[in-house]
Amino acid sequence: MGSEMRVKRAILRELARRYQRGRKKEKTRVLEEFIGLTGYNRSYGSWLLGNCGRKVVLSGGDGQRVVFIG
């Protein structure tokens, strides 16, 4: 994993706590900060922040995979 990816993961872990516990206005502020720092789009950024620290089941053509986010 490159250093840029490590930095993005660290930012994700730090901001995800605030995002998951915050109300709507706080979530908006955290999301804006996150996408500004990482360059991700809003949809992907909110998905990452909401699912950080959880196991997520992804299904595709080759079956299901369990992925840990964060």
C-alpha atoms as a PDB file:
ATOM      1  CA  MET A   1       0.000   0.000   0.000  1.00  0.00           C
ATOM      2  CA  GLY A   2       1.454   3.366  -1.019  1.00  0.00           C
ATOM      3  CA  SER A   3       2.035   6.244   1.355  1.00  0.00           C
ATOM      4  CA  GLU A   4      -0.838   8.230  -0.180  1.00  0.00           C
ATOM      5  CA  MET A   5      -3.216   5.352   0.532  1.00  0.00           C
ATOM      6  CA  ARG A   6      -1.955   5.096   4.138  1.00  0.00           C
ATOM      7  CA  VAL A   7      -2.647   8.793   4.632  1.00  0.00           C
ATOM      8  CA  LYS A   8      -6.176   8.425   3.240  1.00  0.00           C
ATOM      9  CA  ARG A   9      -6.833   5.445   5.561  1.00  0.00           C
ATOM     10  CA  ALA A  10      -5.618   7.450   8.566  1.00  0.00           C
ATOM     11  CA  ILE A  11      -7.874  10.360   7.611  1.00  0.00           C
ATOM     12  CA  LEU A  12     -10.781   7.943   7.149  1.00  0.00           C
ATOM     13  CA  ARG A  13     -10.338   6.350  10.583  1.00  0.00           C
ATOM     14  CA  GLU A  14     -10.077   9.733  12.288  1.00  0.00           C
ATOM     15  CA  LEU A  15     -13.092  11.343  10.624  1.00  0.00           C
ATOM     16  CA  ALA A  16     -15.316   8.242  10.620  1.00  0.00           C
ATOM     17  CA  ARG A  17     -15.813   8.416  14.383  1.00  0.00           C
ATOM     18  CA  ARG A  18     -17.134  11.977  14.146  1.00  0.00           C
ATOM     19  CA  TYR A  19     -19.239  11.113  11.093  1.00  0.00           C
ATOM     20  CA  GLN A  20     -20.896   8.030  12.583  1.00  0.00           C
ATOM     21  CA  ARG A  21     -21.788   9.745  15.863  1.00  0.00           C
ATOM     22  CA  GLY A  22     -22.767  13.126  14.463  1.00  0.00           C
ATOM     23  CA  ARG A  23     -26.086  14.568  13.461  1.00  0.00           C
ATOM     24  CA  LYS A  24     -26.839  15.683   9.921  1.00  0.00           C
ATOM     25  CA  LYS A  25     -25.044  19.057  10.056  1.00  0.00           C
ATOM     26  CA  GLU A  26     -21.933  17.504  11.573  1.00  0.00           C
ATOM     27  CA  LYS A  27     -21.991  14.693   9.003  1.00  0.00           C
ATOM     28  CA  THR A  28     -22.137  17.263   6.206  1.00  0.00           C
ATOM     29  CA  ARG A  29     -19.131  19.140   7.637  1.00  0.00           C
ATOM     30  CA  VAL A  30     -17.121  15.939   8.095  1.00  0.00           C
ATOM     31  CA  LEU A  31     -17.991  14.710   4.599  1.00  0.00           C
ATOM     32  CA  GLU A  32     -16.956  18.038   3.037  1.00  0.00           C
ATOM     33  CA  GLU A  33     -13.658  17.904   4.913  1.00  0.00           C
ATOM     34  CA  PHE A  34     -13.082  14.275   3.922  1.00  0.00           C
ATOM     35  CA  ILE A  35     -13.718  14.744   0.204  1.00  0.00           C
ATOM     36  CA  GLY A  36     -11.590  17.894   0.218  1.00  0.00           C
ATOM     37  CA  LEU A  37      -8.642  16.020   1.706  1.00  0.00           C
ATOM     38  CA  THR A  38      -8.934  12.777  -0.264  1.00  0.00           C
ATOM     39  CA  GLY A  39     -10.433  13.791  -3.601  1.00  0.00           C
ATOM     40  CA  TYR A  40     -13.129  11.092  -3.406  1.00  0.00           C
ATOM     41  CA  ASN A  41     -16.620  11.927  -4.660  1.00  0.00           C
ATOM     42  CA  ARG A  42     -19.443  12.526  -2.153  1.00  0.00           C
ATOM     43  CA  SER A  43     -21.195   9.217  -2.673  1.00  0.00           C
ATOM     44  CA  TYR A  44     -18.098   7.056  -2.175  1.00  0.00           C
ATOM     45  CA  GLY A  45     -16.864   9.252   0.667  1.00  0.00           C
ATOM     46  CA  SER A  46     -20.114   8.990   2.618  1.00  0.00           C
ATOM     47  CA  TRP A  47     -20.174   5.215   2.065  1.00  0.00           C
ATOM     48  CA  LEU A  48     -16.616   4.859   3.381  1.00  0.00           C
ATOM     49  CA  LEU A  49     -17.264   7.066   6.406  1.00  0.00           C
ATOM     50  CA  GLY A  50     -20.478   5.238   7.256  1.00  0.00           C
ATOM     51  CA  ASN A  51     -18.964   1.762   6.928  1.00  0.00           C
ATOM     52  CA  CYS A  52     -15.533   2.348   8.452  1.00  0.00           C
ATOM     53  CA  GLY A  53     -14.752  -0.238  11.130  1.00  0.00           C
ATOM     54  CA  ARG A  54     -17.344  -2.697   9.863  1.00  0.00           C
ATOM     55  CA  LYS A  55     -17.284  -5.892   7.872  1.00  0.00           C
ATOM     56  CA  VAL A  56     -19.052  -5.417   4.549  1.00  0.00           C
ATOM     57  CA  VAL A  57     -20.259  -8.213   2.271  1.00  0.00           C
ATOM     58  CA  LEU A  58     -19.681  -7.382  -1.385  1.00  0.00           C
ATOM     59  CA  SER A  59     -21.247  -9.602  -4.008  1.00  0.00           C
ATOM     60  CA  GLY A  60     -20.266  -9.776  -7.627  1.00  0.00           C
ATOM     61  CA  GLY A  61     -20.037 -12.136 -10.544  1.00  0.00           C
ATOM     62  CA  ASP A  62     -17.435 -14.299  -8.810  1.00  0.00           C
ATOM     63  CA  GLY A  63     -19.364 -14.753  -5.555  1.00  0.00           C
ATOM     64  CA  GLN A  64     -19.354 -12.942  -2.246  1.00  0.00           C
ATOM     65  CA  ARG A  65     -16.404 -11.418  -0.434  1.00  0.00           C
ATOM     66  CA  VAL A  66     -16.248 -10.040   3.093  1.00  0.00           C
ATOM     67  CA  VAL A  67     -14.161  -6.887   3.320  1.00  0.00           C
ATOM     68  CA  PHE A  68     -13.123  -4.994   6.445  1.00  0.00           C
ATOM     69  CA  ILE A  69     -13.301  -1.230   5.890  1.00  0.00           C
ATOM     70  CA  GLY A  70     -10.893   0.876   7.887  1.00  0.00           C
END
